[in-house]
Amino acid sequence: MNVTKNIAVVGASGYSGAELASLIAKHPNFSLSGCYVSEQSLDKNTLLSQLYPEHGNLLDTPLLPLSASAFADIQAQADYVCLCTDHKVSVELAPKFLEMGKKVFDLSGGYRLATSQDYEQYYGFSHPYEQWLKQAEYGLAEWNAQAIAAAQLIAVAGCYPTAALNALKPLKQAGLIADEKIIINAVSGVTGAGRKASINTHFCEVSLAPYGLFNHRHTPEIKQYLDHEVLFTPHLGNFARGILETIYVSLKPQVTSNQIEAAYQVLADEPLIRLKGAQLPSIKGVAGLPYVDIGWQQQGSQLIVVVAIDNLLKGAAGQALQCMNLSSQLQPELGLKGAW
């Protein structure tokens, strides 16, 4: 299908925003209509290629301040708007672009959870746009393709939940998981913490350490879309990019290895899922790539699933591109698979 969509990226100076802008610039059916930052940003009017020289002349485009004239340009030129902004910023910006009739792809957590009460508990604010919370579709590409294609607001799935849900939903769908809480130990590279300077994420200060115990905002997201209790513990690692999750699942009695293998076949034909079986994934295997690698080993009623993704690609920009492909009636992997 020969379609061309013009796409505005807001928050393009961050790691996910720049990654997404680069993917759009290389895409055969998409074009960057503009890259934007806040009016207060120190990066405004800077070329993206100056901030990210690894993208070279792909991103010889200036970072424009999101002024009144920028809103007018987006209204006139863009088909899709991607929000690579803080969740509170996305919450306020999304309705403005939705009222213009744009399709909005929000890479923040601003529209992922079900109720304002969830936001009060896990994000620390009362969500002011519950009507859009009800209309937002969850951007987990392999599991919600039809709804994504039809939606005006897509809440692109979080990085940690993308790994966990792809690893666990086949087992849940097949009815193989016992009632016990699933334990998820996850570690992410430093880019997952964002580009803003912080002593806690300064590379020389980072050591492998857990954070957000019991109350991390990805916990309700995983629980909501898996429909199962989880104990999720994230860790920050001293490497740049990638996520590795080791997941401990109690199986129902008498579940066999053949049943586990059969359950995962629901993902066998997905172009960006790689089922590894007993060969366990690693961050090295996915860094800089758009895939989800899933491996598992079983001993009796205990199953250990290991899943790896690149947090900036499948965990953010790559998944957003999949969602835009679905919205444009294109193959979901277009511009991703075979690009490396």
Protein backbone atom coordinates (compact mmCIF):
# COMPACT_ATOMS: atom_id res chain seq x y z
CA MET A 1 0.00 0.00 0.00
CA ASN A 2 1.44 3.35 -1.06
CA VAL A 3 0.86 5.71 1.85
CA THR A 4 2.87 8.66 3.08
CA LYS A 5 2.32 9.98 6.59
CA ASN A 6 3.85 13.14 7.99
CA ILE A 7 4.91 12.71 11.59
CA ALA A 8 5.77 15.26 14.26
CA VAL A 9 7.98 14.14 17.14
CA VAL A 10 7.62 16.12 20.37
CA GLY A 11 10.43 15.59 22.86
CA ALA A 12 12.82 14.66 20.08
CA SER A 13 15.97 15.58 22.03
CA GLY A 14 15.63 12.61 24.41
CA TYR A 15 17.01 9.14 23.75
CA SER A 16 13.68 7.63 22.66
CA GLY A 17 12.69 10.72 20.67
CA ALA A 18 15.93 10.80 18.71
CA GLU A 19 15.75 7.05 18.09
CA LEU A 20 12.20 7.43 16.78
CA ALA A 21 13.10 10.41 14.59
CA SER A 22 15.89 8.35 13.04
CA LEU A 23 13.53 5.43 12.35
CA ILE A 24 11.00 7.76 10.74
CA ALA A 25 13.70 9.38 8.59
CA LYS A 26 14.63 5.95 7.20
CA HIS A 27 11.05 4.71 6.74
CA PRO A 28 9.79 4.33 3.15
CA ASN A 29 6.27 5.58 3.95
CA PHE A 30 6.84 8.12 6.72
CA SER A 31 8.32 11.61 6.72
CA LEU A 32 9.37 13.87 9.58
CA SER A 33 7.21 16.99 9.53
CA GLY A 34 9.11 18.44 12.48
CA CYS A 35 11.03 17.72 15.67
CA TYR A 36 10.07 19.72 18.74
CA VAL A 37 11.21 20.44 22.28
CA SER A 38 9.78 22.64 25.01
CA GLU A 39 10.18 26.39 24.70
CA GLN A 40 12.42 26.28 27.79
CA SER A 41 14.72 23.56 26.44
CA LEU A 42 18.42 24.34 26.14
CA ASP A 43 18.42 22.16 23.01
CA LYS A 44 15.99 24.31 20.99
CA ASN A 45 17.22 25.33 17.52
CA THR A 46 20.04 22.77 17.76
CA LEU A 47 20.37 20.19 14.99
CA LEU A 48 19.50 16.71 16.18
CA SER A 49 22.61 15.43 14.40
CA GLN A 50 24.70 17.65 16.68
CA LEU A 51 23.24 15.98 19.76
CA TYR A 52 23.34 12.51 18.19
CA PRO A 53 26.16 12.37 15.63
CA GLU A 54 25.63 8.62 15.25
CA HIS A 55 22.52 9.43 13.20
CA GLY A 56 24.53 11.61 10.83
CA ASN A 57 22.73 13.49 8.06
CA LEU A 58 19.53 11.54 8.70
CA LEU A 59 18.70 14.09 11.37
CA ASP A 60 19.97 17.39 9.96
CA THR A 61 16.80 18.96 11.23
CA PRO A 62 16.51 21.62 13.94
CA LEU A 63 14.80 21.06 17.27
CA LEU A 64 12.02 23.64 17.16
CA PRO A 65 10.48 25.14 20.31
CA LEU A 66 6.86 24.08 20.84
CA SER A 67 5.46 27.58 20.44
CA ALA A 68 2.05 28.73 19.22
CA SER A 69 3.37 28.79 15.66
CA ALA A 70 4.69 25.25 16.11
CA PHE A 71 1.20 24.07 17.11
CA ALA A 72 -0.13 25.74 13.97
CA ASP A 73 2.50 24.01 11.83
CA ILE A 74 1.67 20.64 13.36
CA GLN A 75 -2.03 21.22 12.74
CA ALA A 76 -1.35 22.08 9.09
CA GLN A 77 1.29 19.48 8.27
CA ALA A 78 1.27 16.43 10.54
CA ASP A 79 -0.85 13.29 10.30
CA TYR A 80 0.55 11.66 13.42
CA VAL A 81 2.04 13.18 16.57
CA CYS A 82 4.47 11.21 18.73
CA LEU A 83 4.94 12.32 22.33
CA CYS A 84 8.36 11.37 23.71
CA THR A 85 7.85 13.54 26.76
CA ASP A 86 7.49 13.19 30.52
CA HIS A 87 4.16 11.63 31.48
CA LYS A 88 2.78 14.85 32.98
CA VAL A 89 3.66 16.75 29.81
CA SER A 90 2.07 14.08 27.62
CA VAL A 91 -1.11 14.13 29.70
CA GLU A 92 -1.58 17.82 28.90
CA LEU A 93 -0.36 17.79 25.29
CA ALA A 94 -2.25 14.76 24.00
CA PRO A 95 -5.76 16.31 24.20
CA LYS A 96 -4.57 19.39 22.29
CA PHE A 97 -3.43 17.29 19.34
CA LEU A 98 -6.40 14.94 19.59
CA GLU A 99 -8.73 17.93 19.29
CA MET A 100 -6.92 18.79 16.04
CA GLY A 101 -7.94 15.35 14.74
CA LYS A 102 -4.40 13.96 14.87
CA LYS A 103 -3.52 10.41 15.78
CA VAL A 104 -1.37 10.55 18.89
CA PHE A 105 1.24 7.98 19.90
CA ASP A 106 2.26 8.59 23.50
CA LEU A 107 5.51 6.94 24.55
CA SER A 108 5.11 8.07 28.16
CA GLY A 109 3.00 6.45 30.85
CA GLY A 110 0.39 9.21 30.67
CA TYR A 111 -2.44 7.10 29.24
CA ARG A 112 -1.49 3.48 29.97
CA LEU A 113 -3.38 2.81 33.19
CA ALA A 114 -7.11 2.35 33.64
CA THR A 115 -8.23 4.97 36.18
CA SER A 116 -7.31 8.27 37.78
CA GLN A 117 -6.93 6.40 41.07
CA ASP A 118 -4.12 4.36 39.53
CA TYR A 119 -2.35 7.60 38.66
CA GLU A 120 -2.80 8.94 42.17
CA GLN A 121 -1.22 5.81 43.62
CA TYR A 122 1.63 5.20 41.18
CA TYR A 123 2.30 8.54 39.47
CA GLY A 124 1.38 10.97 42.24
CA PHE A 125 -1.28 13.01 40.43
CA SER A 126 -4.97 12.81 39.62
CA HIS A 127 -5.47 12.27 35.90
CA PRO A 128 -7.48 15.19 34.46
CA TYR A 129 -8.63 13.45 31.26
CA GLU A 130 -10.42 10.26 32.24
CA GLN A 131 -12.43 10.35 29.01
CA TRP A 132 -9.20 9.89 27.06
CA LEU A 133 -8.01 7.21 29.47
CA LYS A 134 -11.10 5.23 28.48
CA GLN A 135 -10.49 5.75 24.76
CA ALA A 136 -6.73 5.12 24.69
CA GLU A 137 -5.63 1.77 23.28
CA TYR A 138 -2.60 -0.03 24.66
CA GLY A 139 0.25 -0.11 22.17
CA LEU A 140 1.52 -3.66 22.67
CA ALA A 141 1.83 -4.37 18.97
CA GLU A 142 1.75 -8.18 18.86
CA TRP A 143 -1.30 -8.43 21.11
CA ASN A 144 -3.53 -5.47 20.26
CA ALA A 145 -3.00 -4.84 16.55
CA GLN A 146 -6.63 -4.42 15.50
CA ALA A 147 -7.44 -1.94 18.25
CA ILE A 148 -4.23 0.00 17.64
CA ALA A 149 -5.09 0.36 13.96
CA ALA A 150 -8.48 1.87 14.77
CA ALA A 151 -7.54 4.11 17.72
CA GLN A 152 -6.92 7.85 17.75
CA LEU A 153 -4.81 7.70 20.95
CA ILE A 154 -2.27 4.91 21.38
CA ALA A 155 -0.53 4.52 24.74
CA VAL A 156 2.67 2.82 23.62
CA ALA A 157 3.54 0.03 26.06
CA GLY A 158 6.27 0.60 28.64
CA CYS A 159 9.71 -0.95 28.16
CA TYR A 160 9.68 -3.36 31.10
CA PRO A 161 6.03 -4.38 30.46
CA THR A 162 6.77 -5.02 26.77
CA ALA A 163 9.31 -7.67 27.76
CA ALA A 164 7.24 -9.15 30.58
CA LEU A 165 3.93 -9.28 28.72
CA ASN A 166 5.34 -10.89 25.59
CA ALA A 167 7.02 -13.49 27.80
CA LEU A 168 3.96 -14.21 29.95
CA LYS A 169 0.81 -13.68 27.90
CA PRO A 170 1.24 -16.92 25.91
CA LEU A 171 1.35 -18.89 29.16
CA LYS A 172 -1.60 -16.99 30.62
CA GLN A 173 -3.66 -17.42 27.46
CA ALA A 174 -2.98 -21.17 27.51
CA GLY A 175 -4.08 -21.42 31.16
CA LEU A 176 -0.77 -22.84 32.37
CA ILE A 177 0.04 -20.42 35.21
CA ALA A 178 -0.82 -21.27 38.83
CA ASP A 179 -2.44 -18.70 41.10
CA GLU A 180 0.82 -17.75 42.84
CA LYS A 181 2.28 -14.32 42.26
CA ILE A 182 4.77 -14.15 39.39
CA ILE A 183 8.20 -12.76 40.31
CA ILE A 184 9.91 -10.54 37.75
CA ASN A 185 13.52 -9.45 38.26
CA ALA A 186 14.51 -6.95 35.57
CA VAL A 187 17.55 -4.87 34.73
CA SER A 188 17.78 -1.95 32.30
CA GLY A 189 20.59 0.08 30.80
CA VAL A 190 21.09 3.69 31.81
CA THR A 191 19.31 5.13 28.75
CA GLY A 192 16.08 3.87 30.33
CA ALA A 193 16.42 6.61 32.93
CA GLY A 194 16.32 9.35 30.29
CA ARG A 195 18.79 11.99 29.14
CA LYS A 196 18.27 14.56 31.89
CA ALA A 197 21.36 14.94 34.08
CA SER A 198 21.19 13.22 37.47
CA ILE A 199 23.88 12.03 39.86
CA ASN A 200 22.00 8.74 40.23
CA THR A 201 22.27 8.02 36.50
CA HIS A 202 25.70 9.54 35.87
CA PHE A 203 27.50 6.64 34.22
CA CYS A 204 30.47 6.71 36.59
CA GLU A 205 28.11 6.53 39.58
CA VAL A 206 25.88 3.72 38.33
CA SER A 207 26.24 0.32 39.94
CA LEU A 208 23.82 -2.56 39.54
CA ALA A 209 21.12 -1.71 42.06
CA PRO A 210 17.37 -2.22 42.53
CA TYR A 211 14.88 0.63 42.78
CA GLY A 212 11.12 1.18 43.06
CA LEU A 213 10.52 -1.85 45.28
CA PHE A 214 6.81 -2.75 45.59
CA ASN A 215 5.58 0.53 44.05
CA HIS A 216 7.14 0.89 40.60
CA ARG A 217 4.62 2.28 38.10
CA HIS A 218 5.20 -0.59 35.67
CA THR A 219 3.78 -3.03 38.24
CA PRO A 220 0.13 -2.02 37.71
CA GLU A 221 0.71 -1.86 33.96
CA ILE A 222 1.93 -5.46 33.81
CA LYS A 223 -0.81 -6.61 36.19
CA GLN A 224 -3.53 -4.80 34.23
CA TYR A 225 -2.65 -6.27 30.84
CA LEU A 226 -1.70 -9.74 32.11
CA ASP A 227 -4.59 -10.06 34.58
CA HIS A 228 -2.31 -11.71 37.14
CA GLU A 229 -0.52 -10.61 40.29
CA VAL A 230 3.18 -9.87 39.88
CA LEU A 231 6.06 -8.85 42.10
CA PHE A 232 8.18 -6.65 39.85
CA THR A 233 11.65 -5.45 40.86
CA PRO A 234 13.59 -3.28 38.40
CA HIS A 235 17.34 -2.67 38.52
CA LEU A 236 19.55 -0.06 36.90
CA GLY A 237 22.67 -1.53 35.31
CA ASN A 238 25.93 0.08 34.30
CA PHE A 239 25.51 -0.39 30.57
CA ALA A 240 23.93 1.87 27.96
CA ARG A 241 20.94 0.06 26.52
CA GLY A 242 18.95 -3.14 26.76
CA ILE A 243 16.62 -4.89 29.21
CA LEU A 244 16.93 -8.40 30.59
CA GLU A 245 14.16 -9.92 32.71
CA THR A 246 14.32 -13.19 34.61
CA ILE A 247 10.78 -14.29 35.43
CA TYR A 248 9.79 -17.01 37.92
CA VAL A 249 6.47 -18.69 37.10
CA SER A 250 4.70 -21.37 39.15
CA LEU A 251 2.87 -23.70 36.79
CA LYS A 252 -0.32 -25.61 37.34
CA PRO A 253 0.16 -29.31 38.24
CA GLN A 254 1.30 -31.66 35.50
CA VAL A 255 2.09 -28.96 32.93
CA THR A 256 4.53 -30.48 30.42
CA SER A 257 7.35 -29.02 28.36
CA ASN A 258 5.31 -29.75 25.24
CA GLN A 259 2.50 -27.58 26.57
CA ILE A 260 4.93 -24.73 27.23
CA GLU A 261 6.35 -25.04 23.73
CA ALA A 262 2.85 -25.14 22.24
CA ALA A 263 1.76 -22.06 24.20
CA TYR A 264 4.59 -19.97 22.78
CA GLN A 265 3.65 -20.89 19.21
CA VAL A 266 1.10 -18.07 19.33
CA LEU A 267 4.14 -15.81 18.79
CA ALA A 268 6.02 -18.05 16.35
CA ASP A 269 5.01 -16.09 13.25
CA GLU A 270 5.52 -12.64 14.73
CA PRO A 271 8.37 -11.05 12.75
CA LEU A 272 9.94 -9.26 15.74
CA ILE A 273 9.67 -12.12 18.25
CA ARG A 274 12.46 -14.69 18.46
CA LEU A 275 11.66 -17.82 20.47
CA LYS A 276 14.89 -19.26 21.85
CA GLY A 277 13.57 -22.23 23.82
CA ALA A 278 16.24 -23.51 26.19
CA GLN A 279 18.82 -21.11 24.70
CA LEU A 280 18.60 -18.19 27.10
CA PRO A 281 18.65 -14.63 25.70
CA SER A 282 21.16 -11.92 26.51
CA ILE A 283 21.32 -8.15 26.21
CA LYS A 284 24.18 -8.51 23.72
CA GLY A 285 21.78 -10.37 21.43
CA VAL A 286 19.26 -7.52 21.23
CA ALA A 287 21.13 -4.24 21.81
CA GLY A 288 20.51 -2.02 18.80
CA LEU A 289 17.94 -4.46 17.38
CA PRO A 290 14.10 -4.40 17.30
CA TYR A 291 13.46 -7.92 18.61
CA VAL A 292 12.02 -9.62 21.68
CA ASP A 293 14.10 -12.70 22.53
CA ILE A 294 12.33 -15.23 24.78
CA GLY A 295 13.87 -18.35 26.31
CA TRP A 296 12.71 -20.66 29.05
CA GLN A 297 13.63 -23.71 31.11
CA GLN A 298 11.36 -25.87 33.25
CA GLN A 299 11.91 -28.03 36.31
CA GLY A 300 8.72 -29.67 37.52
CA SER A 301 6.15 -26.98 38.29
CA GLN A 302 8.74 -24.18 38.20
CA LEU A 303 9.33 -22.31 34.97
CA ILE A 304 12.02 -19.67 34.52
CA VAL A 305 11.50 -17.39 31.52
CA VAL A 306 14.26 -15.06 30.35
CA VAL A 307 13.41 -12.24 27.97
CA ALA A 308 15.57 -9.53 26.42
CA ILE A 309 14.77 -6.38 24.44
CA ASP A 310 16.46 -3.13 23.51
CA ASN A 311 14.78 -0.56 25.76
CA LEU A 312 14.99 2.24 23.16
CA LEU A 313 13.79 0.15 20.21
CA LYS A 314 11.29 -2.56 21.09
CA GLY A 315 10.86 -0.87 24.47
CA ALA A 316 10.03 2.55 23.02
CA ALA A 317 10.75 3.94 19.53
CA GLY A 318 10.58 0.63 17.65
CA GLN A 319 7.26 -0.28 19.22
CA ALA A 320 5.88 3.19 18.45
CA LEU A 321 6.89 2.67 14.82
CA GLN A 322 5.11 -0.70 14.83
CA CYS A 323 1.98 1.02 16.11
CA MET A 324 2.22 3.68 13.38
CA ASN A 325 2.63 0.96 10.77
CA LEU A 326 -0.51 -0.74 12.06
CA SER A 327 -2.40 2.56 11.97
CA SER A 328 -1.29 3.02 8.36
CA GLN A 329 -2.29 -0.52 7.30
CA LEU A 330 1.37 -1.40 6.71
CA GLN A 331 3.32 -4.46 7.78
CA PRO A 332 4.14 -3.90 11.47
CA GLU A 333 7.85 -4.63 11.02
CA LEU A 334 8.31 -2.20 8.09
CA GLY A 335 11.31 0.03 8.74
CA LEU A 336 12.52 -2.23 11.56
CA LYS A 337 13.30 -5.75 10.42
CA GLY A 338 16.26 -5.86 8.07
CA ALA A 339 17.28 -2.28 8.82
CA TRP A 340 20.51 -3.42 10.53
